[in-house]
C-alpha cells in the first residue's frame, strides 16, 4: 500500500465520509444517505477520542447505520413531511377543472383529449372531435370529462 495512506488518521476518513454522504443527500434527496452520514460522523468522532481498531470502526459503522436508518424511519413516520400542494404527484387531480380539447371523438363514453402537448384517454359524455370539455376528475390515467 501507499505510505501516505498509513499516515492518514482514520477519524478523518469517517468524518469525510459523513460529510460526503451529507452532500450526496442534498444533491439526491431521499432521506437515506443522511442517516448513513450521521453514522459515519459518529464513528469519526468516537475514533478521534478513543483508540478503536479499524475492524471495530467498520462494525460500529454497520451497526450505527442500521440504527440511524431505523431511527430516521421512525422519526419520519411520527413527523411526516407535508406538502403545500396535496396533488403534487397526482397529475390527473391537478388537471381537474381544466378545459381540454377532444382529439378523438368521445363515443360510448370513451375517447381522447389533448392536455397541453400530450394526449390522454378520456371517459365521459359523448363529444365530437374539436369540442371543448372540462376535466372533472381522474381514474388512474383516464381523465373524467363533462361538456362545457
C-alpha atoms as a PDB file:
ATOM      1  CA  UNK A   1       0.000   0.000   0.000  1.00  0.00           C
ATOM      2  CA  UNK A   2       0.968   3.613  -0.369  1.00  0.00           C
ATOM      3  CA  UNK A   3       2.864   5.129   2.566  1.00  0.00           C
ATOM      4  CA  UNK A   4       0.708   8.240   2.631  1.00  0.00           C
ATOM      5  CA  UNK A   5      -2.326   6.060   3.326  1.00  0.00           C
ATOM      6  CA  UNK A   6      -0.738   4.861   6.563  1.00  0.00           C
ATOM      7  CA  UNK A   7      -0.244   8.444   7.761  1.00  0.00           C
ATOM      8  CA  UNK A   8      -3.935   9.435   7.460  1.00  0.00           C
ATOM      9  CA  UNK A   9      -5.890   9.161  10.694  1.00  0.00           C
ATOM     10  CA  UNK A  10      -9.000   7.035  10.285  1.00  0.00           C
ATOM     11  CA  UNK A  11     -11.180   9.584  12.038  1.00  0.00           C
ATOM     12  CA  UNK A  12     -10.611  11.932   9.078  1.00  0.00           C
ATOM     13  CA  UNK A  13     -11.837   9.203   6.747  1.00  0.00           C
ATOM     14  CA  UNK A  14     -15.065   8.730   8.738  1.00  0.00           C
ATOM     15  CA  UNK A  15     -15.671  12.469   9.127  1.00  0.00           C
ATOM     16  CA  UNK A  16     -15.060  12.999   5.401  1.00  0.00           C
ATOM     17  CA  UNK A  17     -17.346  10.093   4.519  1.00  0.00           C
ATOM     18  CA  UNK A  18     -20.066  11.572   6.737  1.00  0.00           C
ATOM     19  CA  UNK A  19     -19.779  14.952   5.018  1.00  0.00           C
ATOM     20  CA  UNK A  20     -19.706  13.391   1.545  1.00  0.00           C
ATOM     21  CA  UNK A  21     -22.855  11.398   2.328  1.00  0.00           C
ATOM     22  CA  UNK A  22     -24.494  14.574   3.689  1.00  0.00           C
ATOM     23  CA  UNK A  23     -23.698  16.437   0.472  1.00  0.00           C
ATOM     24  CA  UNK A  24     -24.907  13.484  -1.594  1.00  0.00           C
ATOM     25  CA  UNK A  25     -28.195  13.633   0.330  1.00  0.00           C
ATOM     26  CA  UNK A  26     -28.570  17.293  -0.639  1.00  0.00           C
ATOM     27  CA  UNK A  27     -27.838  16.540  -4.304  1.00  0.00           C
ATOM     28  CA  UNK A  28     -30.113  13.474  -4.481  1.00  0.00           C
ATOM     29  CA  UNK A  29     -32.570  13.811  -1.587  1.00  0.00           C
ATOM     30  CA  UNK A  30     -34.268  10.711  -0.310  1.00  0.00           C
ATOM     31  CA  UNK A  31     -33.700  10.810   3.470  1.00  0.00           C
ATOM     32  CA  UNK A  32     -31.477   7.753   3.372  1.00  0.00           C
ATOM     33  CA  UNK A  33     -27.890   8.845   2.859  1.00  0.00           C
ATOM     34  CA  UNK A  34     -28.033  11.389   5.666  1.00  0.00           C
ATOM     35  CA  UNK A  35     -28.559   8.607   8.206  1.00  0.00           C
ATOM     36  CA  UNK A  36     -25.507   6.747   6.898  1.00  0.00           C
ATOM     37  CA  UNK A  37     -23.604  10.028   7.008  1.00  0.00           C
ATOM     38  CA  UNK A  38     -24.649  10.527  10.614  1.00  0.00           C
ATOM     39  CA  UNK A  39     -23.357   7.027  11.449  1.00  0.00           C
ATOM     40  CA  UNK A  40     -20.026   7.839   9.770  1.00  0.00           C
ATOM     41  CA  UNK A  41     -19.746  11.132  11.691  1.00  0.00           C
ATOM     42  CA  UNK A  42     -20.396   9.357  14.991  1.00  0.00           C
ATOM     43  CA  UNK A  43     -17.700   6.772  14.210  1.00  0.00           C
ATOM     44  CA  UNK A  44     -15.280   9.564  13.255  1.00  0.00           C
ATOM     45  CA  UNK A  45     -15.909  11.460  16.483  1.00  0.00           C
ATOM     46  CA  UNK A  46     -15.566   8.317  18.614  1.00  0.00           C
ATOM     47  CA  UNK A  47     -12.392   7.339  16.743  1.00  0.00           C
ATOM     48  CA  UNK A  48     -10.914  10.787  17.440  1.00  0.00           C
ATOM     49  CA  UNK A  49     -11.373  10.424  21.197  1.00  0.00           C
ATOM     50  CA  UNK A  50     -10.949   6.649  21.662  1.00  0.00           C
ATOM     51  CA  UNK A  51      -8.346   4.219  20.319  1.00  0.00           C
ATOM     52  CA  UNK A  52     -10.581   1.969  18.187  1.00  0.00           C
ATOM     53  CA  UNK A  53      -9.229  -0.588  15.719  1.00  0.00           C
ATOM     54  CA  UNK A  54     -10.328  -0.441  12.106  1.00  0.00           C
ATOM     55  CA  UNK A  55     -12.311  -3.683  12.443  1.00  0.00           C
ATOM     56  CA  UNK A  56     -14.326  -2.216  15.331  1.00  0.00           C
ATOM     57  CA  UNK A  57     -14.815   1.007  13.416  1.00  0.00           C
ATOM     58  CA  UNK A  58     -16.305  -0.859  10.460  1.00  0.00           C
ATOM     59  CA  UNK A  59     -18.510  -2.963  12.771  1.00  0.00           C
ATOM     60  CA  UNK A  60     -19.582   0.183  14.619  1.00  0.00           C
ATOM     61  CA  UNK A  61     -20.404   1.924  11.323  1.00  0.00           C
ATOM     62  CA  UNK A  62     -22.506  -1.042  10.170  1.00  0.00           C
ATOM     63  CA  UNK A  63     -24.378  -1.186  13.473  1.00  0.00           C
ATOM     64  CA  UNK A  64     -24.889   2.580  13.675  1.00  0.00           C
ATOM     65  CA  UNK A  65     -26.030   2.664  10.041  1.00  0.00           C
ATOM     66  CA  UNK A  66     -28.815   0.196  10.787  1.00  0.00           C
ATOM     67  CA  UNK A  67     -29.771   2.024  13.988  1.00  0.00           C
ATOM     68  CA  UNK A  68     -29.797   5.502  12.433  1.00  0.00           C
ATOM     69  CA  UNK A  69     -31.786   4.359   9.388  1.00  0.00           C
ATOM     70  CA  UNK A  70     -34.439   2.764  11.600  1.00  0.00           C
ATOM     71  CA  UNK A  71     -34.453   5.758  13.965  1.00  0.00           C
ATOM     72  CA  UNK A  72     -34.847   8.062  10.958  1.00  0.00           C
ATOM     73  CA  UNK A  73     -37.677   5.933   9.607  1.00  0.00           C
ATOM     74  CA  UNK A  74     -39.462   6.036  12.950  1.00  0.00           C
ATOM     75  CA  UNK A  75     -38.915   9.802  13.197  1.00  0.00           C
ATOM     76  CA  UNK A  76     -40.353  10.387   9.710  1.00  0.00           C
ATOM     77  CA  UNK A  77     -43.372   8.192  10.473  1.00  0.00           C
ATOM     78  CA  UNK A  78     -44.156  10.341  13.529  1.00  0.00           C
ATOM     79  CA  UNK A  79     -43.295  13.609  11.735  1.00  0.00           C
ATOM     80  CA  UNK A  80     -44.315  13.202   8.074  1.00  0.00           C
ATOM     81  CA  UNK A  81     -43.229  15.823   5.589  1.00  0.00           C
ATOM     82  CA  UNK A  82     -46.349  17.604   4.408  1.00  0.00           C
ATOM     83  CA  UNK A  83     -46.558  19.384   1.099  1.00  0.00           C
ATOM     84  CA  UNK A  84     -48.401  22.632   0.458  1.00  0.00           C
ATOM     85  CA  UNK A  85     -49.749  21.021  -2.729  1.00  0.00           C
ATOM     86  CA  UNK A  86     -51.700  17.864  -1.878  1.00  0.00           C
ATOM     87  CA  UNK A  87     -51.965  16.967  -5.595  1.00  0.00           C
ATOM     88  CA  UNK A  88     -48.241  17.357  -6.253  1.00  0.00           C
ATOM     89  CA  UNK A  89     -47.768  13.822  -7.592  1.00  0.00           C
ATOM     90  CA  UNK A  90     -51.308  13.280  -8.876  1.00  0.00           C
ATOM     91  CA  UNK A  91     -51.344  14.677 -12.392  1.00  0.00           C
ATOM     92  CA  UNK A  92     -54.934  13.716 -13.045  1.00  0.00           C
ATOM     93  CA  UNK A  93     -56.150  15.550  -9.949  1.00  0.00           C
ATOM     94  CA  UNK A  94     -54.055  18.596 -10.849  1.00  0.00           C
ATOM     95  CA  UNK A  95     -55.957  18.854 -14.149  1.00  0.00           C
ATOM     96  CA  UNK A  96     -59.386  18.933 -12.514  1.00  0.00           C
ATOM     97  CA  UNK A  97     -61.246  21.994 -13.740  1.00  0.00           C
ATOM     98  CA  UNK A  98     -59.152  22.475 -16.885  1.00  0.00           C
ATOM     99  CA  UNK A  99     -60.814  22.895 -20.277  1.00  0.00           C
ATOM    100  CA  UNK A 100     -59.316  20.446 -22.786  1.00  0.00           C
ATOM    101  CA  UNK A 101     -59.939  19.687 -26.468  1.00  0.00           C
ATOM    102  CA  UNK A 102     -61.294  16.380 -27.770  1.00  0.00           C
ATOM    103  CA  UNK A 103     -58.874  14.932 -30.359  1.00  0.00           C
ATOM    104  CA  UNK A 104     -60.601  11.578 -30.843  1.00  0.00           C
ATOM    105  CA  UNK A 105     -64.387  11.709 -30.511  1.00  0.00           C
ATOM    106  CA  UNK A 106     -65.800  10.543 -27.217  1.00  0.00           C
ATOM    107  CA  UNK A 107     -68.219   7.829 -28.318  1.00  0.00           C
ATOM    108  CA  UNK A 108     -69.927   5.362 -25.987  1.00  0.00           C
ATOM    109  CA  UNK A 109     -68.202   7.148 -23.134  1.00  0.00           C
ATOM    110  CA  UNK A 110     -64.597   6.699 -24.361  1.00  0.00           C
ATOM    111  CA  UNK A 111     -62.273   8.948 -26.380  1.00  0.00           C
ATOM    112  CA  UNK A 112     -59.085  11.012 -26.183  1.00  0.00           C
ATOM    113  CA  UNK A 113     -58.394  14.615 -25.220  1.00  0.00           C
ATOM    114  CA  UNK A 114     -55.411  16.917 -25.634  1.00  0.00           C
ATOM    115  CA  UNK A 115     -53.938  18.392 -22.466  1.00  0.00           C
ATOM    116  CA  UNK A 116     -51.076  20.766 -23.175  1.00  0.00           C
ATOM    117  CA  UNK A 117     -48.777  18.840 -25.506  1.00  0.00           C
ATOM    118  CA  UNK A 118     -49.957  15.338 -24.519  1.00  0.00           C
ATOM    119  CA  UNK A 119     -52.997  13.234 -25.319  1.00  0.00           C
ATOM    120  CA  UNK A 120     -54.932  11.407 -22.587  1.00  0.00           C
ATOM    121  CA  UNK A 121     -57.640   8.773 -22.642  1.00  0.00           C
ATOM    122  CA  UNK A 122     -60.945  10.262 -21.547  1.00  0.00           C
ATOM    123  CA  UNK A 123     -64.251   8.979 -20.279  1.00  0.00           C
ATOM    124  CA  UNK A 124     -67.481  10.924 -20.182  1.00  0.00           C
ATOM    125  CA  UNK A 125     -70.461  12.119 -22.205  1.00  0.00           C
ATOM    126  CA  UNK A 126     -70.190  11.795 -25.993  1.00  0.00           C
ATOM    127  CA  UNK A 127     -68.412  14.734 -27.631  1.00  0.00           C
ATOM    128  CA  UNK A 128     -67.293  15.451 -31.176  1.00  0.00           C
ATOM    129  CA  UNK A 129     -63.695  15.953 -32.243  1.00  0.00           C
ATOM    130  CA  UNK A 130     -62.611  19.551 -31.568  1.00  0.00           C
ATOM    131  CA  UNK A 131     -65.165  20.075 -28.776  1.00  0.00           C
ATOM    132  CA  UNK A 132     -64.047  21.583 -25.502  1.00  0.00           C
ATOM    133  CA  UNK A 133     -64.726  19.574 -22.341  1.00  0.00           C
ATOM    134  CA  UNK A 134     -63.957  20.142 -18.679  1.00  0.00           C
ATOM    135  CA  UNK A 135     -61.888  17.676 -16.641  1.00  0.00           C
ATOM    136  CA  UNK A 136     -63.895  16.712 -13.529  1.00  0.00           C
ATOM    137  CA  UNK A 137     -61.524  14.090 -12.157  1.00  0.00           C
ATOM    138  CA  UNK A 138     -59.312  11.155 -12.995  1.00  0.00           C
ATOM    139  CA  UNK A 139     -59.484   7.393 -12.745  1.00  0.00           C
ATOM    140  CA  UNK A 140     -55.838   6.372 -12.914  1.00  0.00           C
ATOM    141  CA  UNK A 141     -54.547   7.515 -16.311  1.00  0.00           C
ATOM    142  CA  UNK A 142     -58.054   8.184 -17.674  1.00  0.00           C
ATOM    143  CA  UNK A 143     -59.480  11.682 -17.348  1.00  0.00           C
ATOM    144  CA  UNK A 144     -63.150  12.015 -16.453  1.00  0.00           C
ATOM    145  CA  UNK A 145     -64.720  14.796 -18.524  1.00  0.00           C
ATOM    146  CA  UNK A 146     -68.024  16.586 -18.995  1.00  0.00           C
ATOM    147  CA  UNK A 147     -69.315  19.029 -21.597  1.00  0.00           C
ATOM    148  CA  UNK A 148     -68.663  22.721 -21.022  1.00  0.00           C
END
